[in-house]
Amino acid sequence: MEAMLVITNLPDREQARSLARKLVDSRLAACVNILAECESVYVWEGKIETSLEVPLLIKTLGRHYPEVEAMILQNHPYELPEVIAVSLSNGLPEYMRWIATETL
């Protein structure tokens, strides 16, 4: 029952909310936090770019990662979206059990 935090960014709140609902509705995520818009500075195709993005923090289990990644890719407008998964080795035991209970 390895809990995992998956991080991605979308270009606006509407797309972030849509992806969050799909992940929770499909029971691939117990919770998705939609954070405040942030400014991202990055290199793309050899140039420094700046854009506003809406970060998502997706709480799931490691065994669901392939489906979570696939759903992000299917619903993401970027050519190369940020998808980072971090294993959660510690956390409030009751919360970690809740993640497991609320995902398939």
PDB file of N, CA and C in Angstrom:
ATOM      1  N   MET A   1       0.836  -1.177   0.000  1.00  0.00           N
ATOM      2  CA  MET A   1       0.000   0.000   0.000  1.00  0.00           C
ATOM      3  C   MET A   1       0.886   1.247   0.000  1.00  0.00           C
ATOM      4  N   GLU A   2       1.700   1.400  -1.018  1.00  0.00           N
ATOM      5  CA  GLU A   2       2.602   2.547  -1.123  1.00  0.00           C
ATOM      6  C   GLU A   2       1.841   3.774  -1.605  1.00  0.00           C
ATOM      7  N   ALA A   3       1.737   4.780  -0.747  1.00  0.00           N
ATOM      8  CA  ALA A   3       1.094   6.029  -1.146  1.00  0.00           C
ATOM      9  C   ALA A   3       2.067   6.832  -2.000  1.00  0.00           C
ATOM     10  N   MET A   4       1.505   7.649  -2.879  1.00  0.00           N
ATOM     11  CA  MET A   4       2.315   8.398  -3.822  1.00  0.00           C
ATOM     12  C   MET A   4       1.703   9.773  -4.036  1.00  0.00           C
ATOM     13  N   LEU A   5       2.569  10.755  -4.254  1.00  0.00           N
ATOM     14  CA  LEU A   5       2.166  12.100  -4.614  1.00  0.00           C
ATOM     15  C   LEU A   5       2.610  12.335  -6.053  1.00  0.00           C
ATOM     16  N   VAL A   6       1.661  12.642  -6.924  1.00  0.00           N
ATOM     17  CA  VAL A   6       1.968  12.924  -8.321  1.00  0.00           C
ATOM     18  C   VAL A   6       1.736  14.421  -8.535  1.00  0.00           C
ATOM     19  N   ILE A   7       2.707  15.056  -9.163  1.00  0.00           N
ATOM     20  CA  ILE A   7       2.656  16.504  -9.387  1.00  0.00           C
ATOM     21  C   ILE A   7       2.592  16.775 -10.889  1.00  0.00           C
ATOM     22  N   THR A   8       1.697  17.651 -11.272  1.00  0.00           N
ATOM     23  CA  THR A   8       1.632  18.122 -12.644  1.00  0.00           C
ATOM     24  C   THR A   8       1.142  19.562 -12.634  1.00  0.00           C
ATOM     25  N   ASN A   9       1.236  20.232 -13.760  1.00  0.00           N
ATOM     26  CA  ASN A   9       0.766  21.613 -13.927  1.00  0.00           C
ATOM     27  C   ASN A   9      -0.085  21.690 -15.179  1.00  0.00           C
ATOM     28  N   LEU A  10      -1.109  22.519 -15.132  1.00  0.00           N
ATOM     29  CA  LEU A  10      -1.938  22.771 -16.306  1.00  0.00           C
ATOM     30  C   LEU A  10      -1.972  24.270 -16.578  1.00  0.00           C
ATOM     31  N   PRO A  11      -2.334  24.663 -17.801  1.00  0.00           N
ATOM     32  CA  PRO A  11      -2.249  26.075 -18.157  1.00  0.00           C
ATOM     33  C   PRO A  11      -3.327  26.964 -17.539  1.00  0.00           C
ATOM     34  N   ASP A  12      -4.429  26.386 -17.034  1.00  0.00           N
ATOM     35  CA  ASP A  12      -5.464  27.224 -16.417  1.00  0.00           C
ATOM     36  C   ASP A  12      -6.274  26.410 -15.415  1.00  0.00           C
ATOM     37  N   ARG A  13      -7.033  27.118 -14.596  1.00  0.00           N
ATOM     38  CA  ARG A  13      -7.804  26.507 -13.510  1.00  0.00           C
ATOM     39  C   ARG A  13      -8.892  25.573 -14.051  1.00  0.00           C
ATOM     40  N   GLU A  14      -9.535  25.929 -15.147  1.00  0.00           N
ATOM     41  CA  GLU A  14     -10.602  25.095 -15.710  1.00  0.00           C
ATOM     42  C   GLU A  14     -10.063  23.714 -16.094  1.00  0.00           C
ATOM     43  N   GLN A  15      -8.922  23.671 -16.789  1.00  0.00           N
ATOM     44  CA  GLN A  15      -8.338  22.385 -17.176  1.00  0.00           C
ATOM     45  C   GLN A  15      -7.842  21.615 -15.952  1.00  0.00           C
ATOM     46  N   ALA A  16      -7.310  22.328 -14.963  1.00  0.00           N
ATOM     47  CA  ALA A  16      -6.850  21.679 -13.729  1.00  0.00           C
ATOM     48  C   ALA A  16      -8.029  21.042 -12.998  1.00  0.00           C
ATOM     49  N   ARG A  17      -9.121  21.780 -12.889  1.00  0.00           N
ATOM     50  CA  ARG A  17     -10.311  21.267 -12.209  1.00  0.00           C
ATOM     51  C   ARG A  17     -10.883  20.061 -12.958  1.00  0.00           C
ATOM     52  N   SER A  18     -10.906  20.114 -14.267  1.00  0.00           N
ATOM     53  CA  SER A  18     -11.426  19.008 -15.070  1.00  0.00           C
ATOM     54  C   SER A  18     -10.610  17.736 -14.845  1.00  0.00           C
ATOM     55  N   LEU A  19      -9.296  17.850 -14.896  1.00  0.00           N
ATOM     56  CA  LEU A  19      -8.436  16.682 -14.674  1.00  0.00           C
ATOM     57  C   LEU A  19      -8.592  16.162 -13.248  1.00  0.00           C
ATOM     58  N   ALA A  20      -8.641  17.052 -12.275  1.00  0.00           N
ATOM     59  CA  ALA A  20      -8.803  16.634 -10.882  1.00  0.00           C
ATOM     60  C   ALA A  20     -10.093  15.836 -10.703  1.00  0.00           C
ATOM     61  N   ARG A  21     -11.189  16.321 -11.265  1.00  0.00           N
ATOM     62  CA  ARG A  21     -12.482  15.615 -11.151  1.00  0.00           C
ATOM     63  C   ARG A  21     -12.414  14.238 -11.801  1.00  0.00           C
ATOM     64  N   LYS A  22     -11.782  14.152 -12.964  1.00  0.00           N
ATOM     65  CA  LYS A  22     -11.679  12.861 -13.652  1.00  0.00           C
ATOM     66  C   LYS A  22     -10.889  11.860 -12.812  1.00  0.00           C
ATOM     67  N   LEU A  23      -9.805  12.311 -12.216  1.00  0.00           N
ATOM     68  CA  LEU A  23      -8.978  11.413 -11.404  1.00  0.00           C
ATOM     69  C   LEU A  23      -9.730  10.925 -10.171  1.00  0.00           C
ATOM     70  N   VAL A  24     -10.446  11.825  -9.503  1.00  0.00           N
ATOM     71  CA  VAL A  24     -11.187  11.446  -8.301  1.00  0.00           C
ATOM     72  C   VAL A  24     -12.421  10.628  -8.674  1.00  0.00           C
ATOM     73  N   ASP A  25     -13.142  11.037  -9.714  1.00  0.00           N
ATOM     74  CA  ASP A  25     -14.323  10.287 -10.148  1.00  0.00           C
ATOM     75  C   ASP A  25     -13.990   8.849 -10.529  1.00  0.00           C
ATOM     76  N   SER A  26     -12.841   8.650 -11.137  1.00  0.00           N
ATOM     77  CA  SER A  26     -12.435   7.305 -11.560  1.00  0.00           C
ATOM     78  C   SER A  26     -11.799   6.513 -10.424  1.00  0.00           C
ATOM     79  N   ARG A  27     -11.670   7.141  -9.250  1.00  0.00           N
ATOM     80  CA  ARG A  27     -11.074   6.526  -8.051  1.00  0.00           C
ATOM     81  C   ARG A  27      -9.601   6.199  -8.240  1.00  0.00           C
ATOM     82  N   LEU A  28      -8.931   6.934  -9.134  1.00  0.00           N
ATOM     83  CA  LEU A  28      -7.486   6.802  -9.284  1.00  0.00           C
ATOM     84  C   LEU A  28      -6.755   7.692  -8.295  1.00  0.00           C
ATOM     85  N   ALA A  29      -7.449   8.678  -7.740  1.00  0.00           N
ATOM     86  CA  ALA A  29      -6.873   9.572  -6.731  1.00  0.00           C
ATOM     87  C   ALA A  29      -7.870   9.732  -5.600  1.00  0.00           C
ATOM     88  N   ALA A  30      -7.356   9.747  -4.380  1.00  0.00           N
ATOM     89  CA  ALA A  30      -8.213  10.006  -3.221  1.00  0.00           C
ATOM     90  C   ALA A  30      -8.498  11.493  -3.098  1.00  0.00           C
ATOM     91  N   CYS A  31      -7.536  12.309  -3.502  1.00  0.00           N
ATOM     92  CA  CYS A  31      -7.648  13.766  -3.369  1.00  0.00           C
ATOM     93  C   CYS A  31      -6.700  14.414  -4.372  1.00  0.00           C
ATOM     94  N   VAL A  32      -7.136  15.531  -4.918  1.00  0.00           N
ATOM     95  CA  VAL A  32      -6.275  16.342  -5.780  1.00  0.00           C
ATOM     96  C   VAL A  32      -6.368  17.776  -5.294  1.00  0.00           C
ATOM     97  N   ASN A  33      -5.241  18.334  -4.913  1.00  0.00           N
ATOM     98  CA  ASN A  33      -5.196  19.743  -4.529  1.00  0.00           C
ATOM     99  C   ASN A  33      -4.898  20.573  -5.769  1.00  0.00           C
ATOM    100  N   ILE A  34      -5.724  21.575  -6.003  1.00  0.00           N
ATOM    101  CA  ILE A  34      -5.517  22.533  -7.083  1.00  0.00           C
ATOM    102  C   ILE A  34      -4.943  23.778  -6.418  1.00  0.00           C
ATOM    103  N   LEU A  35      -3.694  24.045  -6.686  1.00  0.00           N
ATOM    104  CA  LEU A  35      -3.004  25.138  -6.017  1.00  0.00           C
ATOM    105  C   LEU A  35      -3.208  26.463  -6.752  1.00  0.00           C
ATOM    106  N   ALA A  36      -2.731  27.521  -6.153  1.00  0.00           N
ATOM    107  CA  ALA A  36      -2.811  28.844  -6.762  1.00  0.00           C
ATOM    108  C   ALA A  36      -1.914  28.905  -7.999  1.00  0.00           C
ATOM    109  N   GLU A  37      -2.318  29.713  -8.940  1.00  0.00           N
ATOM    110  CA  GLU A  37      -1.532  29.913 -10.146  1.00  0.00           C
ATOM    111  C   GLU A  37      -0.111  30.338  -9.778  1.00  0.00           C
ATOM    112  N   CYS A  38       0.848  29.801 -10.514  1.00  0.00           N
ATOM    113  CA  CYS A  38       2.248  30.152 -10.276  1.00  0.00           C
ATOM    114  C   CYS A  38       2.911  30.476 -11.608  1.00  0.00           C
ATOM    115  N   GLU A  39       4.034  31.131 -11.523  1.00  0.00           N
ATOM    116  CA  GLU A  39       4.820  31.444 -12.709  1.00  0.00           C
ATOM    117  C   GLU A  39       5.930  30.418 -12.835  1.00  0.00           C
ATOM    118  N   SER A  40       6.037  29.792 -13.991  1.00  0.00           N
ATOM    119  CA  SER A  40       7.090  28.813 -14.259  1.00  0.00           C
ATOM    120  C   SER A  40       8.088  29.398 -15.249  1.00  0.00           C
ATOM    121  N   VAL A  41       9.362  29.196 -14.967  1.00  0.00           N
ATOM    122  CA  VAL A  41      10.448  29.620 -15.850  1.00  0.00           C
ATOM    123  C   VAL A  41      11.211  28.357 -16.211  1.00  0.00           C
ATOM    124  N   TYR A  42      11.370  28.104 -17.513  1.00  0.00           N
ATOM    125  CA  TYR A  42      11.957  26.843 -17.956  1.00  0.00           C
ATOM    126  C   TYR A  42      12.600  27.015 -19.329  1.00  0.00           C
ATOM    127  N   VAL A  43      13.410  26.044 -19.702  1.00  0.00           N
ATOM    128  CA  VAL A  43      14.022  26.032 -21.032  1.00  0.00           C
ATOM    129  C   VAL A  43      13.202  25.102 -21.908  1.00  0.00           C
ATOM    130  N   TRP A  44      12.782  25.605 -23.070  1.00  0.00           N
ATOM    131  CA  TRP A  44      12.050  24.791 -24.032  1.00  0.00           C
ATOM    132  C   TRP A  44      12.584  25.095 -25.418  1.00  0.00           C
ATOM    133  N   GLU A  45      13.046  24.046 -26.088  1.00  0.00           N
ATOM    134  CA  GLU A  45      13.602  24.167 -27.433  1.00  0.00           C
ATOM    135  C   GLU A  45      14.686  25.236 -27.494  1.00  0.00           C
ATOM    136  N   GLY A  46      15.552  25.236 -26.484  1.00  0.00           N
ATOM    137  CA  GLY A  46      16.713  26.107 -26.456  1.00  0.00           C
ATOM    138  C   GLY A  46      16.479  27.531 -25.998  1.00  0.00           C
ATOM    139  N   LYS A  47      15.240  27.880 -25.636  1.00  0.00           N
ATOM    140  CA  LYS A  47      14.946  29.237 -25.200  1.00  0.00           C
ATOM    141  C   LYS A  47      14.363  29.229 -23.796  1.00  0.00           C
ATOM    142  N   ILE A  48      14.661  30.286 -23.050  1.00  0.00           N
ATOM    143  CA  ILE A  48      14.045  30.438 -21.735  1.00  0.00           C
ATOM    144  C   ILE A  48      12.623  30.956 -21.935  1.00  0.00           C
ATOM    145  N   GLU A  49      11.674  30.235 -21.367  1.00  0.00           N
ATOM    146  CA  GLU A  49      10.251  30.562 -21.482  1.00  0.00           C
ATOM    147  C   GLU A  49       9.688  30.863 -20.097  1.00  0.00           C
ATOM    148  N   THR A  50       8.605  31.603 -20.063  1.00  0.00           N
ATOM    149  CA  THR A  50       7.877  31.890 -18.833  1.00  0.00           C
ATOM    150  C   THR A  50       6.397  31.702 -19.120  1.00  0.00           C
ATOM    151  N   SER A  51       5.700  31.018 -18.205  1.00  0.00           N
ATOM    152  CA  SER A  51       4.256  30.861 -18.369  1.00  0.00           C
ATOM    153  C   SER A  51       3.591  30.752 -17.007  1.00  0.00           C
ATOM    154  N   LEU A  52       2.305  31.066 -16.978  1.00  0.00           N
ATOM    155  CA  LEU A  52       1.508  30.887 -15.774  1.00  0.00           C
ATOM    156  C   LEU A  52       0.876  29.503 -15.830  1.00  0.00           C
ATOM    157  N   GLU A  53       0.928  28.799 -14.705  1.00  0.00           N
ATOM    158  CA  GLU A  53       0.397  27.437 -14.644  1.00  0.00           C
ATOM    159  C   GLU A  53      -0.323  27.222 -13.320  1.00  0.00           C
ATOM    160  N   VAL A  54      -1.170  26.190 -13.290  1.00  0.00           N
ATOM    161  CA  VAL A  54      -1.897  25.808 -12.083  1.00  0.00           C
ATOM    162  C   VAL A  54      -1.400  24.428 -11.670  1.00  0.00           C
ATOM    163  N   PRO A  55      -0.697  24.338 -10.530  1.00  0.00           N
ATOM    164  CA  PRO A  55      -0.167  23.053 -10.071  1.00  0.00           C
ATOM    165  C   PRO A  55      -1.250  22.161  -9.455  1.00  0.00           C
ATOM    166  N   LEU A  56      -1.091  20.860  -9.663  1.00  0.00           N
ATOM    167  CA  LEU A  56      -1.947  19.851  -9.037  1.00  0.00           C
ATOM    168  C   LEU A  56      -1.086  18.927  -8.196  1.00  0.00           C
ATOM    169  N   LEU A  57      -1.574  18.599  -7.000  1.00  0.00           N
ATOM    170  CA  LEU A  57      -0.962  17.591  -6.143  1.00  0.00           C
ATOM    171  C   LEU A  57      -1.955  16.436  -6.050  1.00  0.00           C
ATOM    172  N   ILE A  58      -1.583  15.306  -6.604  1.00  0.00           N
ATOM    173  CA  ILE A  58      -2.477  14.156  -6.735  1.00  0.00           C
ATOM    174  C   ILE A  58      -2.062  13.085  -5.744  1.00  0.00           C
ATOM    175  N   LYS A  59      -2.974  12.710  -4.825  1.00  0.00           N
ATOM    176  CA  LYS A  59      -2.683  11.662  -3.847  1.00  0.00           C
ATOM    177  C   LYS A  59      -3.285  10.352  -4.330  1.00  0.00           C
ATOM    178  N   THR A  60      -2.430   9.341  -4.474  1.00  0.00           N
ATOM    179  CA  THR A  60      -2.847   8.055  -5.010  1.00  0.00           C
ATOM    180  C   THR A  60      -1.977   6.960  -4.418  1.00  0.00           C
ATOM    181  N   LEU A  61      -2.108   5.764  -4.951  1.00  0.00           N
ATOM    182  CA  LEU A  61      -1.236   4.646  -4.583  1.00  0.00           C
ATOM    183  C   LEU A  61      -0.304   4.345  -5.743  1.00  0.00           C
ATOM    184  N   GLY A  62       0.868   3.829  -5.425  1.00  0.00           N
ATOM    185  CA  GLY A  62       1.854   3.510  -6.451  1.00  0.00           C
ATOM    186  C   GLY A  62       1.319   2.596  -7.534  1.00  0.00           C
ATOM    187  N   ARG A  63       0.472   1.662  -7.151  1.00  0.00           N
ATOM    188  CA  ARG A  63      -0.054   0.722  -8.156  1.00  0.00           C
ATOM    189  C   ARG A  63      -0.958   1.403  -9.184  1.00  0.00           C
ATOM    190  N   HIS A  64      -1.452   2.601  -8.855  1.00  0.00           N
ATOM    191  CA  HIS A  64      -2.310   3.340  -9.786  1.00  0.00           C
ATOM    192  C   HIS A  64      -1.526   4.295 -10.682  1.00  0.00           C
ATOM    193  N   TYR A  65      -0.221   4.412 -10.438  1.00  0.00           N
ATOM    194  CA  TYR A  65       0.556   5.400 -11.185  1.00  0.00           C
ATOM    195  C   TYR A  65       0.410   5.267 -12.702  1.00  0.00           C
ATOM    196  N   PRO A  66       0.502   4.063 -13.281  1.00  0.00           N
ATOM    197  CA  PRO A  66       0.383   3.984 -14.751  1.00  0.00           C
ATOM    198  C   PRO A  66      -0.936   4.569 -15.278  1.00  0.00           C
ATOM    199  N   GLU A  67      -2.039   4.325 -14.574  1.00  0.00           N
ATOM    200  CA  GLU A  67      -3.330   4.863 -15.011  1.00  0.00           C
ATOM    201  C   GLU A  67      -3.417   6.370 -14.784  1.00  0.00           C
ATOM    202  N   VAL A  68      -2.847   6.841 -13.676  1.00  0.00           N
ATOM    203  CA  VAL A  68      -2.827   8.281 -13.412  1.00  0.00           C
ATOM    204  C   VAL A  68      -2.016   8.989 -14.497  1.00  0.00           C
ATOM    205  N   GLU A  69      -0.841   8.455 -14.802  1.00  0.00           N
ATOM    206  CA  GLU A  69      -0.009   9.046 -15.849  1.00  0.00           C
ATOM    207  C   GLU A  69      -0.745   9.064 -17.182  1.00  0.00           C
ATOM    208  N   ALA A  70      -1.392   7.957 -17.526  1.00  0.00           N
ATOM    209  CA  ALA A  70      -2.120   7.878 -18.795  1.00  0.00           C
ATOM    210  C   ALA A  70      -3.248   8.908 -18.843  1.00  0.00           C
ATOM    211  N   MET A  71      -3.971   9.090 -17.731  1.00  0.00           N
ATOM    212  CA  MET A  71      -5.055  10.063 -17.716  1.00  0.00           C
ATOM    213  C   MET A  71      -4.509  11.488 -17.849  1.00  0.00           C
ATOM    214  N   ILE A  72      -3.390  11.759 -17.192  1.00  0.00           N
ATOM    215  CA  ILE A  72      -2.773  13.087 -17.339  1.00  0.00           C
ATOM    216  C   ILE A  72      -2.413  13.322 -18.801  1.00  0.00           C
ATOM    217  N   LEU A  73      -1.747  12.365 -19.417  1.00  0.00           N
ATOM    218  CA  LEU A  73      -1.325  12.525 -20.815  1.00  0.00           C
ATOM    219  C   LEU A  73      -2.512  12.675 -21.761  1.00  0.00           C
ATOM    220  N   GLN A  74      -3.604  11.946 -21.508  1.00  0.00           N
ATOM    221  CA  GLN A  74      -4.797  12.029 -22.368  1.00  0.00           C
ATOM    222  C   GLN A  74      -5.503  13.369 -22.253  1.00  0.00           C
ATOM    223  N   ASN A  75      -5.358  14.029 -21.114  1.00  0.00           N
ATOM    224  CA  ASN A  75      -6.110  15.251 -20.844  1.00  0.00           C
ATOM    225  C   ASN A  75      -5.243  16.491 -20.736  1.00  0.00           C
ATOM    226  N   HIS A  76      -4.016  16.401 -21.184  1.00  0.00           N
ATOM    227  CA  HIS A  76      -3.072  17.507 -21.029  1.00  0.00           C
ATOM    228  C   HIS A  76      -2.763  18.136 -22.380  1.00  0.00           C
ATOM    229  N   PRO A  77      -2.784  19.463 -22.476  1.00  0.00           N
ATOM    230  CA  PRO A  77      -2.537  20.101 -23.765  1.00  0.00           C
ATOM    231  C   PRO A  77      -1.054  20.253 -24.126  1.00  0.00           C
ATOM    232  N   TYR A  78      -0.159  20.052 -23.174  1.00  0.00           N
ATOM    233  CA  TYR A  78       1.262  20.261 -23.457  1.00  0.00           C
ATOM    234  C   TYR A  78       1.851  19.090 -24.232  1.00  0.00           C
ATOM    235  N   GLU A  79       2.820  19.410 -25.084  1.00  0.00           N
ATOM    236  CA  GLU A  79       3.567  18.378 -25.802  1.00  0.00           C
ATOM    237  C   GLU A  79       4.342  17.490 -24.826  1.00  0.00           C
ATOM    238  N   LEU A  80       4.912  18.098 -23.795  1.00  0.00           N
ATOM    239  CA  LEU A  80       5.675  17.365 -22.780  1.00  0.00           C
ATOM    240  C   LEU A  80       5.267  17.877 -21.396  1.00  0.00           C
ATOM    241  N   PRO A  81       4.195  17.308 -20.818  1.00  0.00           N
ATOM    242  CA  PRO A  81       3.756  17.794 -19.510  1.00  0.00           C
ATOM    243  C   PRO A  81       4.676  17.321 -18.387  1.00  0.00           C
ATOM    244  N   GLU A  82       4.748  18.130 -17.348  1.00  0.00           N
ATOM    245  CA  GLU A  82       5.449  17.709 -16.140  1.00  0.00           C
ATOM    246  C   GLU A  82       4.595  16.664 -15.438  1.00  0.00           C
ATOM    247  N   VAL A  83       5.171  15.493 -15.207  1.00  0.00           N
ATOM    248  CA  VAL A  83       4.529  14.449 -14.416  1.00  0.00           C
ATOM    249  C   VAL A  83       5.628  13.871 -13.529  1.00  0.00           C
ATOM    250  N   ILE A  84       5.554  14.197 -12.247  1.00  0.00           N
ATOM    251  CA  ILE A  84       6.565  13.753 -11.291  1.00  0.00           C
ATOM    252  C   ILE A  84       5.858  12.955 -10.203  1.00  0.00           C
ATOM    253  N   ALA A  85       6.366  11.774  -9.898  1.00  0.00           N
ATOM    254  CA  ALA A  85       5.782  10.929  -8.858  1.00  0.00           C
ATOM    255  C   ALA A  85       6.781  10.765  -7.724  1.00  0.00           C
ATOM    256  N   VAL A  86       6.291  10.989  -6.507  1.00  0.00           N
ATOM    257  CA  VAL A  86       7.127  10.883  -5.312  1.00  0.00           C
ATOM    258  C   VAL A  86       6.492   9.853  -4.379  1.00  0.00           C
ATOM    259  N   SER A  87       7.240   8.831  -4.030  1.00  0.00           N
ATOM    260  CA  SER A  87       6.744   7.835  -3.080  1.00  0.00           C
ATOM    261  C   SER A  87       6.695   8.452  -1.688  1.00  0.00           C
ATOM    262  N   LEU A  88       5.624   8.165  -0.971  1.00  0.00           N
ATOM    263  CA  LEU A  88       5.448   8.689   0.384  1.00  0.00           C
ATOM    264  C   LEU A  88       5.735   7.572   1.374  1.00  0.00           C
ATOM    265  N   SER A  89       6.883   7.645   2.004  1.00  0.00           N
ATOM    266  CA  SER A  89       7.269   6.581   2.935  1.00  0.00           C
ATOM    267  C   SER A  89       6.699   6.808   4.327  1.00  0.00           C
ATOM    268  N   ASN A  90       6.328   8.043   4.649  1.00  0.00           N
ATOM    269  CA  ASN A  90       5.774   8.355   5.960  1.00  0.00           C
ATOM    270  C   ASN A  90       4.595   9.293   5.810  1.00  0.00           C
ATOM    271  N   GLY A  91       3.723   9.240   6.792  1.00  0.00           N
ATOM    272  CA  GLY A  91       2.569  10.118   6.833  1.00  0.00           C
ATOM    273  C   GLY A  91       1.657   9.666   7.949  1.00  0.00           C
ATOM    274  N   LEU A  92       0.689  10.472   8.279  1.00  0.00           N
ATOM    275  CA  LEU A  92      -0.275  10.108   9.297  1.00  0.00           C
ATOM    276  C   LEU A  92      -0.923   8.784   8.886  1.00  0.00           C
ATOM    277  N   PRO A  93      -0.779   7.730   9.691  1.00  0.00           N
ATOM    278  CA  PRO A  93      -1.278   6.409   9.283  1.00  0.00           C
ATOM    279  C   PRO A  93      -2.743   6.413   8.846  1.00  0.00           C
ATOM    280  N   GLU A  94      -3.585   7.136   9.562  1.00  0.00           N
ATOM    281  CA  GLU A  94      -5.006   7.181   9.193  1.00  0.00           C
ATOM    282  C   GLU A  94      -5.203   7.820   7.824  1.00  0.00           C
ATOM    283  N   TYR A  95      -4.412   8.845   7.512  1.00  0.00           N
ATOM    284  CA  TYR A  95      -4.520   9.503   6.206  1.00  0.00           C
ATOM    285  C   TYR A  95      -4.034   8.564   5.105  1.00  0.00           C
ATOM    286  N   MET A  96      -2.942   7.866   5.369  1.00  0.00           N
ATOM    287  CA  MET A  96      -2.413   6.927   4.371  1.00  0.00           C
ATOM    288  C   MET A  96      -3.429   5.814   4.102  1.00  0.00           C
ATOM    289  N   ARG A  97      -4.107   5.340   5.132  1.00  0.00           N
ATOM    290  CA  ARG A  97      -5.155   4.314   4.944  1.00  0.00           C
ATOM    291  C   ARG A  97      -6.319   4.896   4.155  1.00  0.00           C
ATOM    292  N   TRP A  98      -6.644   6.159   4.409  1.00  0.00           N
ATOM    293  CA  TRP A  98      -7.730   6.801   3.681  1.00  0.00           C
ATOM    294  C   TRP A  98      -7.419   6.855   2.184  1.00  0.00           C
ATOM    295  N   ILE A  99      -6.191   7.182   1.831  1.00  0.00           N
ATOM    296  CA  ILE A  99      -5.796   7.175   0.412  1.00  0.00           C
ATOM    297  C   ILE A  99      -6.067   5.798  -0.191  1.00  0.00           C
ATOM    298  N   ALA A 100      -5.659   4.754   0.520  1.00  0.00           N
ATOM    299  CA  ALA A 100      -5.849   3.383   0.020  1.00  0.00           C
ATOM    300  C   ALA A 100      -7.328   3.043  -0.082  1.00  0.00           C
ATOM    301  N   THR A 101      -8.120   3.471   0.879  1.00  0.00           N
ATOM    302  CA  THR A 101      -9.551   3.169   0.890  1.00  0.00           C
ATOM    303  C   THR A 101     -10.289   3.869  -0.238  1.00  0.00           C
ATOM    304  N   GLU A 102      -9.885   5.086  -0.567  1.00  0.00           N
ATOM    305  CA  GLU A 102     -10.627   5.889  -1.541  1.00  0.00           C
ATOM    306  C   GLU A 102     -10.185   5.687  -2.982  1.00  0.00           C
ATOM    307  N   THR A 103      -9.135   4.892  -3.193  1.00  0.00           N
ATOM    308  CA  THR A 103      -8.727   4.564  -4.567  1.00  0.00           C
ATOM    309  C   THR A 103      -9.018   3.104  -4.811  1.00  0.00           C
ATOM    310  N   LEU A 104      -9.195   2.746  -6.057  1.00  0.00           N
ATOM    311  CA  LEU A 104      -9.530   1.346  -6.404  1.00  0.00           C
ATOM    312  C   LEU A 104      -8.376   0.410  -6.136  1.00  0.00           C
TER     313      LEU A 104
END
